[in-house]
């Protein structure tokens, strides 16, 4: 019996190829897994390689898709609902006259001349002592040195006048020293001034040359703002004389008010807030102030509003608002006059001070008016110093006091 030959393992695996070769067929060797192109089953093979269950991978993919969708919706919503910026309401004005702008920015010739003549007038020695209990300020006029010669003989006849700007009516005067440029005065004067008013006051010491037949000529002055010195102890020092101011401005007080103009509605709003340091009009050193607001159109009185009266005070608080209808076509022809009055039950009411705003104004008043027109709808508040009433009336040059009807728009 013939023995059966056992097949080796290699022959077992090669048997299909051998049988195919015998039958005349050629079988292609399968390609390696790295060379297999990505087909529809690629994602399935990738999922099988990730060490996570299939339901977890599907949950992650869904969550990422939802987040991307929400982000896309937010971007589209922001772009579509973006607010358009409001157009600012602008006011176009005719150019202001050159003379008005010159008064606003150019210095006075008096200031320039005073700046040139600041030296060569001499110096003055003085002392200051304030008694907080008695509310008294003691000023000592010690001596002067190297004064400017005012007489033809090369000497002067000097004396000193001193006062506080808070009360210009009360002035003191030293003795006159003959024919000297280095007088020794050694005189002391006392001012009654409340502690609250001390920082607002300025001490003025002026040296004059006495003349028997003509007007006394001023040599120079020393101005000392009391807010700039410490009155906790006695002060004694020298001060250089400078050119004196030609006219001493009387302190009438200050007023704070707000302006607002809306061109689209033709509404001019004036809010009178408060006043401070008003001039004393009563014998007891107080006043009964109230405020008038006048509208002047083409140099004629047009409209008027009045606040309530505040009794016995120099620092009244009003907080009263007035609304005027002023067409935009007339806004450059209107002047707003703010005046503070002292009420008197028996006699006629007296004006304490005035000021006016408009395109004809100067200084702070013109700047306040220009800021109001440049910022429509926005209220702008500012402090202003009161001016002498007759000076303001002269500047305004008012015509006959006729009340005009509202101009047509």
Protein backbone atom coordinates (compact mmCIF):
# COMPACT_ATOMS: atom_id res chain seq x y z
CA UNK A 1 0.00 0.00 0.00
CA UNK A 2 1.53 3.26 -1.02
CA UNK A 3 2.28 5.73 1.67
CA UNK A 4 0.35 9.04 1.68
CA UNK A 5 2.55 12.13 1.56
CA UNK A 6 1.73 14.71 4.09
CA UNK A 7 1.39 18.26 2.84
CA UNK A 8 3.52 20.95 4.44
CA UNK A 9 1.92 24.19 5.72
CA UNK A 10 3.45 26.17 2.88
CA UNK A 11 1.94 23.92 0.31
CA UNK A 12 -1.46 24.29 1.96
CA UNK A 13 -1.42 28.05 1.51
CA UNK A 14 -0.08 27.80 -2.05
CA UNK A 15 -2.62 25.27 -3.13
CA UNK A 16 -5.18 27.71 -4.52
CA UNK A 17 -2.54 29.45 -6.65
CA UNK A 18 -1.27 26.13 -7.97
CA UNK A 19 -4.76 24.97 -8.88
CA UNK A 20 -5.48 28.23 -10.58
CA UNK A 21 -2.26 28.01 -12.57
CA UNK A 22 -3.18 24.57 -13.68
CA UNK A 23 -6.53 25.82 -14.93
CA UNK A 24 -4.85 28.71 -16.79
CA UNK A 25 -6.03 31.56 -14.43
CA UNK A 26 -3.84 34.23 -12.79
CA UNK A 27 -4.86 35.62 -9.42
CA UNK A 28 -3.63 39.13 -8.45
CA UNK A 29 -1.92 39.55 -5.13
CA UNK A 30 -4.01 41.73 -2.84
CA UNK A 31 -2.57 45.19 -2.14
CA UNK A 32 -1.28 46.11 1.29
CA UNK A 33 -3.64 47.98 3.64
CA UNK A 34 -1.54 51.27 3.39
CA UNK A 35 -2.11 51.44 -0.35
CA UNK A 36 -5.86 50.97 -0.11
CA UNK A 37 -7.62 54.15 -1.34
CA UNK A 38 -10.15 55.91 0.91
CA UNK A 39 -13.60 54.88 -0.07
CA UNK A 40 -17.05 54.91 1.45
CA UNK A 41 -15.92 52.58 4.17
CA UNK A 42 -13.09 54.81 5.36
CA UNK A 43 -15.09 56.51 8.17
CA UNK A 44 -16.28 53.13 9.36
CA UNK A 45 -12.72 51.82 9.60
CA UNK A 46 -11.70 55.07 11.44
CA UNK A 47 -14.52 54.64 13.97
CA UNK A 48 -13.33 51.10 14.62
CA UNK A 49 -9.82 52.35 15.41
CA UNK A 50 -10.94 55.00 18.01
CA UNK A 51 -11.05 53.47 21.51
CA UNK A 52 -14.55 54.79 22.27
CA UNK A 53 -17.99 53.30 21.81
CA UNK A 54 -19.80 54.34 18.66
CA UNK A 55 -22.68 56.03 20.52
CA UNK A 56 -20.19 58.33 22.35
CA UNK A 57 -18.56 59.41 19.09
CA UNK A 58 -21.95 60.18 17.57
CA UNK A 59 -22.92 62.30 20.63
CA UNK A 60 -19.70 64.36 20.37
CA UNK A 61 -20.27 64.97 16.68
CA UNK A 62 -23.86 66.13 17.28
CA UNK A 63 -22.77 68.51 20.10
CA UNK A 64 -20.08 70.10 17.90
CA UNK A 65 -22.60 70.56 15.08
CA UNK A 66 -25.10 72.25 17.45
CA UNK A 67 -22.43 74.66 18.79
CA UNK A 68 -21.37 75.64 15.27
CA UNK A 69 -25.00 76.25 14.34
CA UNK A 70 -25.59 78.48 17.39
CA UNK A 71 -22.41 80.49 16.67
CA UNK A 72 -23.54 81.05 13.10
CA UNK A 73 -26.98 82.25 14.26
CA UNK A 74 -25.39 84.73 16.73
CA UNK A 75 -23.14 86.20 14.03
CA UNK A 76 -26.05 86.66 11.63
CA UNK A 77 -28.22 88.24 14.38
CA UNK A 78 -25.54 90.78 15.38
CA UNK A 79 -24.96 91.83 11.79
CA UNK A 80 -28.65 92.23 10.99
CA UNK A 81 -29.73 94.08 14.16
CA UNK A 82 -26.79 96.49 14.52
CA UNK A 83 -28.14 99.94 15.48
CA UNK A 84 -27.48 102.76 13.12
CA UNK A 85 -25.81 105.76 14.80
CA UNK A 86 -28.07 108.75 15.25
CA UNK A 87 -27.25 111.70 13.12
CA UNK A 88 -26.10 114.62 15.22
CA UNK A 89 -28.07 117.78 14.79
CA UNK A 90 -25.64 120.40 13.65
CA UNK A 91 -26.04 124.13 13.69
CA UNK A 92 -24.53 126.13 10.87
CA UNK A 93 -23.81 129.72 11.84
CA UNK A 94 -22.85 132.77 9.88
CA UNK A 95 -19.31 133.90 10.67
CA UNK A 96 -19.06 136.13 13.73
CA UNK A 97 -17.76 139.63 13.09
CA UNK A 98 -14.02 140.15 13.29
CA UNK A 99 -14.42 142.87 15.92
CA UNK A 100 -16.21 140.45 18.23
CA UNK A 101 -13.55 137.78 17.86
CA UNK A 102 -10.84 140.40 18.37
CA UNK A 103 -12.40 141.38 21.69
CA UNK A 104 -12.51 137.70 22.62
CA UNK A 105 -8.89 136.75 21.96
CA UNK A 106 -6.86 139.98 21.90
CA UNK A 107 -5.51 141.43 25.16
CA UNK A 108 -6.38 144.95 26.15
CA UNK A 109 -3.81 147.65 25.44
CA UNK A 110 -4.02 148.59 29.11
CA UNK A 111 -2.73 145.13 30.06
CA UNK A 112 0.14 145.38 27.58
CA UNK A 113 1.17 148.80 28.85
CA UNK A 114 0.99 147.60 32.44
CA UNK A 115 3.24 144.66 31.57
CA UNK A 116 5.94 146.99 30.25
CA UNK A 117 5.93 149.25 33.33
CA UNK A 118 6.30 146.71 36.09
CA UNK A 119 9.77 147.70 37.28
CA UNK A 120 11.42 150.81 38.71
CA UNK A 121 8.58 151.89 41.03
CA UNK A 122 10.06 150.86 44.37
CA UNK A 123 8.92 148.43 47.04
CA UNK A 124 6.73 148.41 50.14
CA UNK A 125 7.11 146.60 53.44
CA UNK A 126 3.91 145.48 55.17
CA UNK A 127 2.65 143.06 57.85
CA UNK A 128 -0.53 140.96 58.21
CA UNK A 129 -2.19 139.49 61.30
CA UNK A 130 -5.64 137.92 61.44
CA UNK A 131 -7.61 137.54 64.66
CA UNK A 132 -9.91 134.53 64.18
CA UNK A 133 -11.96 135.25 67.30
CA UNK A 134 -12.64 138.92 66.55
CA UNK A 135 -12.80 138.33 62.76
CA UNK A 136 -10.32 141.19 62.25
CA UNK A 137 -7.46 141.66 59.81
CA UNK A 138 -4.68 143.97 61.01
CA UNK A 139 -2.53 145.45 58.24
CA UNK A 140 0.70 147.21 59.11
CA UNK A 141 2.21 149.66 56.62
CA UNK A 142 5.87 149.69 57.62
CA UNK A 143 7.98 151.57 55.09
CA UNK A 144 8.75 152.06 51.40
CA UNK A 145 12.10 152.15 49.63
CA UNK A 146 13.53 153.28 46.30
CA UNK A 147 10.29 154.94 45.18
CA UNK A 148 9.99 156.45 41.74
CA UNK A 149 10.65 160.21 41.73
CA UNK A 150 7.51 162.10 40.73
CA UNK A 151 8.58 165.72 41.37
CA UNK A 152 10.91 167.86 39.26
CA UNK A 153 13.39 167.97 42.15
CA UNK A 154 13.90 164.18 42.01
CA UNK A 155 11.77 163.38 45.06
CA UNK A 156 8.15 162.55 45.94
CA UNK A 157 5.60 163.23 48.67
CA UNK A 158 4.33 159.67 49.24
CA UNK A 159 1.40 158.31 51.22
CA UNK A 160 -0.44 154.96 51.15
CA UNK A 161 -4.12 154.13 50.53
CA UNK A 162 -5.21 150.57 51.37
CA UNK A 163 -8.49 148.66 51.07
CA UNK A 164 -10.01 145.22 50.47
CA UNK A 165 -11.64 144.36 47.15
CA UNK A 166 -14.56 142.81 49.06
CA UNK A 167 -15.50 146.30 50.33
CA UNK A 168 -14.02 149.07 48.16
CA UNK A 169 -15.95 151.79 50.01
CA UNK A 170 -13.90 151.38 53.18
CA UNK A 171 -10.40 152.76 52.61
CA UNK A 172 -7.59 153.80 54.96
CA UNK A 173 -4.90 156.41 54.32
CA UNK A 174 -1.49 157.04 55.94
CA UNK A 175 0.17 160.36 56.61
CA UNK A 176 2.02 162.19 53.82
CA UNK A 177 5.84 162.28 53.98
CA UNK A 178 7.49 165.23 52.29
CA UNK A 179 10.36 165.06 49.80
CA UNK A 180 11.52 161.49 50.27
CA UNK A 181 11.84 158.28 48.31
CA UNK A 182 12.25 156.12 51.44
CA UNK A 183 9.40 156.97 53.82
CA UNK A 184 8.86 155.16 57.14
CA UNK A 185 5.13 154.96 57.94
CA UNK A 186 4.76 152.50 60.83
CA UNK A 187 0.95 152.67 60.88
CA UNK A 188 -1.56 149.87 61.54
CA UNK A 189 -5.14 149.55 60.25
CA UNK A 190 -7.91 147.08 61.11
CA UNK A 191 -10.47 145.58 58.71
CA UNK A 192 -13.59 143.75 59.88
CA UNK A 193 -13.79 140.71 57.58
CA UNK A 194 -15.48 137.37 58.22
CA UNK A 195 -13.31 134.27 58.05
CA UNK A 196 -15.42 132.87 55.20
CA UNK A 197 -14.79 136.03 53.14
CA UNK A 198 -11.02 136.11 53.68
CA UNK A 199 -10.11 133.72 50.80
CA UNK A 200 -12.28 135.76 48.42
CA UNK A 201 -10.64 139.12 49.27
CA UNK A 202 -7.55 140.86 47.94
CA UNK A 203 -5.61 143.46 49.90
CA UNK A 204 -4.67 146.49 47.78
CA UNK A 205 -1.95 148.94 48.95
CA UNK A 206 -1.39 151.92 46.65
CA UNK A 207 1.31 154.58 47.04
CA UNK A 208 0.44 158.09 45.80
CA UNK A 209 2.48 161.25 45.33
CA UNK A 210 0.76 164.21 47.00
CA UNK A 211 0.30 167.36 44.91
CA UNK A 212 -1.10 170.55 46.40
CA UNK A 213 -2.48 172.08 43.19
CA UNK A 214 -3.03 169.12 40.87
CA UNK A 215 -4.44 165.60 41.16
CA UNK A 216 -2.34 163.17 43.17
CA UNK A 217 -0.35 160.81 40.93
CA UNK A 218 -0.14 157.12 41.75
CA UNK A 219 3.36 155.65 41.98
CA UNK A 220 2.41 151.98 42.15
CA UNK A 221 0.55 149.33 44.09
CA UNK A 222 0.89 145.95 45.77
CA UNK A 223 -2.01 143.48 45.42
CA UNK A 224 -2.07 140.53 47.77
CA UNK A 225 -4.77 137.83 47.35
CA UNK A 226 -5.45 136.64 50.91
CA UNK A 227 -6.12 133.12 49.66
CA UNK A 228 -2.44 132.85 48.72
CA UNK A 229 -1.07 133.54 52.22
CA UNK A 230 -1.27 131.67 55.52
CA UNK A 231 -2.81 133.81 58.25
CA UNK A 232 -2.10 131.34 61.03
CA UNK A 233 0.82 133.53 62.10
CA UNK A 234 2.03 137.12 61.65
CA UNK A 235 3.40 137.88 58.19
CA UNK A 236 5.96 140.61 57.48
CA UNK A 237 7.55 140.97 54.04
CA UNK A 238 8.42 143.27 51.15
CA UNK A 239 6.40 143.60 47.96
CA UNK A 240 7.45 145.16 44.64
CA UNK A 241 5.28 148.01 43.39
CA UNK A 242 3.65 147.51 39.98
CA UNK A 243 1.57 149.76 37.74
CA UNK A 244 -1.86 150.30 39.29
CA UNK A 245 -5.08 149.44 37.57
CA UNK A 246 -6.81 152.48 36.13
CA UNK A 247 -10.30 151.44 37.26
CA UNK A 248 -11.08 149.27 40.26
CA UNK A 249 -13.77 146.80 39.30
CA UNK A 250 -16.50 146.65 41.91
CA UNK A 251 -17.31 143.14 43.05
CA UNK A 252 -21.02 142.69 42.26
CA UNK A 253 -21.15 138.91 42.61
CA UNK A 254 -21.46 135.84 40.39
CA UNK A 255 -24.34 133.85 38.96
CA UNK A 256 -24.53 130.28 37.63
CA UNK A 257 -27.04 129.28 34.97
CA UNK A 258 -27.49 126.69 32.25
CA UNK A 259 -28.31 127.17 28.55
CA UNK A 260 -29.82 124.66 26.13
CA UNK A 261 -31.09 125.13 22.59
CA UNK A 262 -32.91 122.60 20.36
CA UNK A 263 -33.09 123.84 16.73
CA UNK A 264 -35.70 121.28 15.65
CA UNK A 265 -38.22 122.51 18.25
CA UNK A 266 -36.98 126.14 18.47
CA UNK A 267 -36.77 125.83 22.27
CA UNK A 268 -34.25 127.92 24.24
CA UNK A 269 -34.05 126.76 27.88
CA UNK A 270 -32.49 128.97 30.57
CA UNK A 271 -32.03 127.37 34.00
CA UNK A 272 -31.14 129.85 36.76
CA UNK A 273 -29.25 127.80 39.35
CA UNK A 274 -27.70 130.01 42.03
CA UNK A 275 -25.70 133.17 42.82
CA UNK A 276 -22.95 133.95 45.30
CA UNK A 277 -21.02 136.86 46.82
CA UNK A 278 -23.66 139.37 45.75
CA UNK A 279 -23.23 143.04 46.56
CA UNK A 280 -24.70 144.13 49.89
CA UNK A 281 -27.72 146.32 49.23
CA UNK A 282 -29.38 146.56 52.67
CA UNK A 283 -28.19 148.46 55.72
CA UNK A 284 -27.76 145.18 57.60
CA UNK A 285 -25.33 143.86 54.97
CA UNK A 286 -27.76 141.59 53.10
CA UNK A 287 -30.02 141.66 50.03
CA UNK A 288 -33.34 140.27 48.81
CA UNK A 289 -32.23 139.09 45.36
CA UNK A 290 -34.23 137.86 42.38
CA UNK A 291 -33.29 137.33 38.73
CA UNK A 292 -34.78 138.66 35.50
CA UNK A 293 -34.19 136.95 32.14
CA UNK A 294 -34.77 139.20 29.12
CA UNK A 295 -34.69 138.23 25.46
CA UNK A 296 -33.55 141.03 23.16
CA UNK A 297 -34.37 140.69 19.45
CA UNK A 298 -32.73 143.11 17.01
CA UNK A 299 -31.88 145.43 19.95
CA UNK A 300 -35.47 145.58 21.18
CA UNK A 301 -36.87 143.99 24.34
CA UNK A 302 -38.88 140.94 23.35
CA UNK A 303 -39.68 138.54 26.21
CA UNK A 304 -39.11 138.49 29.98
CA UNK A 305 -39.20 135.94 32.82
CA UNK A 306 -38.63 136.51 36.56
CA UNK A 307 -37.58 134.19 39.38
CA UNK A 308 -38.91 134.19 42.93
CA UNK A 309 -37.43 136.48 45.61
CA UNK A 310 -34.94 135.08 48.13
CA UNK A 311 -34.95 136.97 51.44
CA UNK A 312 -31.90 138.12 53.42
CA UNK A 313 -29.11 136.37 51.56
CA UNK A 314 -26.07 137.10 49.40
CA UNK A 315 -25.89 133.52 48.09
CA UNK A 316 -29.41 132.63 46.87
CA UNK A 317 -30.35 129.26 45.37
CA UNK A 318 -33.07 129.39 42.69
CA UNK A 319 -33.08 126.28 40.45
CA UNK A 320 -35.84 127.78 38.26
CA UNK A 321 -36.18 127.02 34.57
CA UNK A 322 -37.57 129.21 31.76
CA UNK A 323 -38.35 128.09 28.21
CA UNK A 324 -38.46 130.52 25.28
CA UNK A 325 -39.51 129.80 21.72
CA UNK A 326 -36.82 131.19 19.41
CA UNK A 327 -36.87 130.18 15.73
CA UNK A 328 -33.53 129.06 14.37
CA UNK A 329 -33.65 131.84 11.79
CA UNK A 330 -33.54 134.39 14.65
CA UNK A 331 -31.05 132.73 17.00
CA UNK A 332 -28.15 134.93 15.84
CA UNK A 333 -30.19 138.09 16.34
CA UNK A 334 -31.13 137.30 19.94
CA UNK A 335 -29.36 138.49 23.10
CA UNK A 336 -30.10 136.91 26.48
CA UNK A 337 -29.79 139.42 29.34
CA UNK A 338 -29.40 138.00 32.87
CA UNK A 339 -29.85 140.61 35.63
CA UNK A 340 -29.89 140.27 39.42
CA UNK A 341 -32.06 142.71 41.38
CA UNK A 342 -32.55 143.62 45.02
CA UNK A 343 -36.23 143.63 46.00
CA UNK A 344 -37.41 146.57 48.09
CA UNK A 345 -40.95 146.65 49.44
CA UNK A 346 -41.02 150.42 50.01
CA UNK A 347 -38.80 151.93 47.32
CA UNK A 348 -37.98 150.93 43.76
CA UNK A 349 -36.12 147.67 43.11
CA UNK A 350 -32.42 148.25 42.46
CA UNK A 351 -30.25 146.29 39.99
CA UNK A 352 -27.22 144.62 41.49
CA UNK A 353 -25.56 143.56 38.25
CA UNK A 354 -26.14 142.34 34.70
CA UNK A 355 -24.58 140.40 31.86
CA UNK A 356 -25.69 139.35 28.39
CA UNK A 357 -24.99 136.46 26.02
CA UNK A 358 -25.26 136.21 22.25
CA UNK A 359 -23.22 136.66 19.12
CA UNK A 360 -22.49 140.28 20.15
CA UNK A 361 -21.07 139.25 23.54
CA UNK A 362 -17.36 138.85 24.38
CA UNK A 363 -15.21 136.77 26.71
CA UNK A 364 -16.84 134.01 28.78
CA UNK A 365 -20.33 135.06 27.68
CA UNK A 366 -19.50 134.55 24.00
CA UNK A 367 -17.81 131.22 24.70
CA UNK A 368 -20.83 129.97 26.67
CA UNK A 369 -23.18 130.99 23.85
CA UNK A 370 -20.97 129.40 21.17
CA UNK A 371 -20.71 126.15 23.17
CA UNK A 372 -24.50 126.03 23.45
CA UNK A 373 -24.95 126.36 19.69
CA UNK A 374 -22.21 123.82 18.98
CA UNK A 375 -23.86 121.25 21.29
CA UNK A 376 -27.62 121.27 20.55
CA UNK A 377 -29.89 119.43 22.98
CA UNK A 378 -27.16 119.45 25.66
CA UNK A 379 -27.54 121.77 28.70
CA UNK A 380 -24.34 123.65 29.55
CA UNK A 381 -23.90 125.34 32.97
CA UNK A 382 -21.30 127.99 33.79
CA UNK A 383 -20.49 130.70 36.36
CA UNK A 384 -20.38 134.34 35.22
CA UNK A 385 -19.34 137.56 36.96
CA UNK A 386 -21.94 140.30 37.13
CA UNK A 387 -21.14 143.63 35.46
CA UNK A 388 -22.35 147.18 36.18
CA UNK A 389 -25.91 147.55 34.83
CA UNK A 390 -25.27 150.88 33.06
CA UNK A 391 -22.25 149.41 31.26
CA UNK A 392 -24.28 146.45 29.96
CA UNK A 393 -27.17 148.70 28.86
CA UNK A 394 -24.75 150.96 26.99
CA UNK A 395 -23.17 147.98 25.23
CA UNK A 396 -26.54 146.59 24.20
CA UNK A 397 -27.69 149.98 22.86
CA UNK A 398 -31.36 149.14 23.34
CA UNK A 399 -33.95 150.87 21.19
CA UNK A 400 -37.55 151.60 22.13
CA UNK A 401 -38.97 148.99 24.47
CA UNK A 402 -41.48 147.32 22.15
CA UNK A 403 -42.78 143.82 22.65
CA UNK A 404 -42.57 142.01 19.35
CA UNK A 405 -44.74 139.15 18.15
CA UNK A 406 -43.16 135.78 17.51
CA UNK A 407 -41.45 135.86 14.06
CA UNK A 408 -42.87 133.54 11.46
CA UNK A 409 -40.89 130.39 10.82
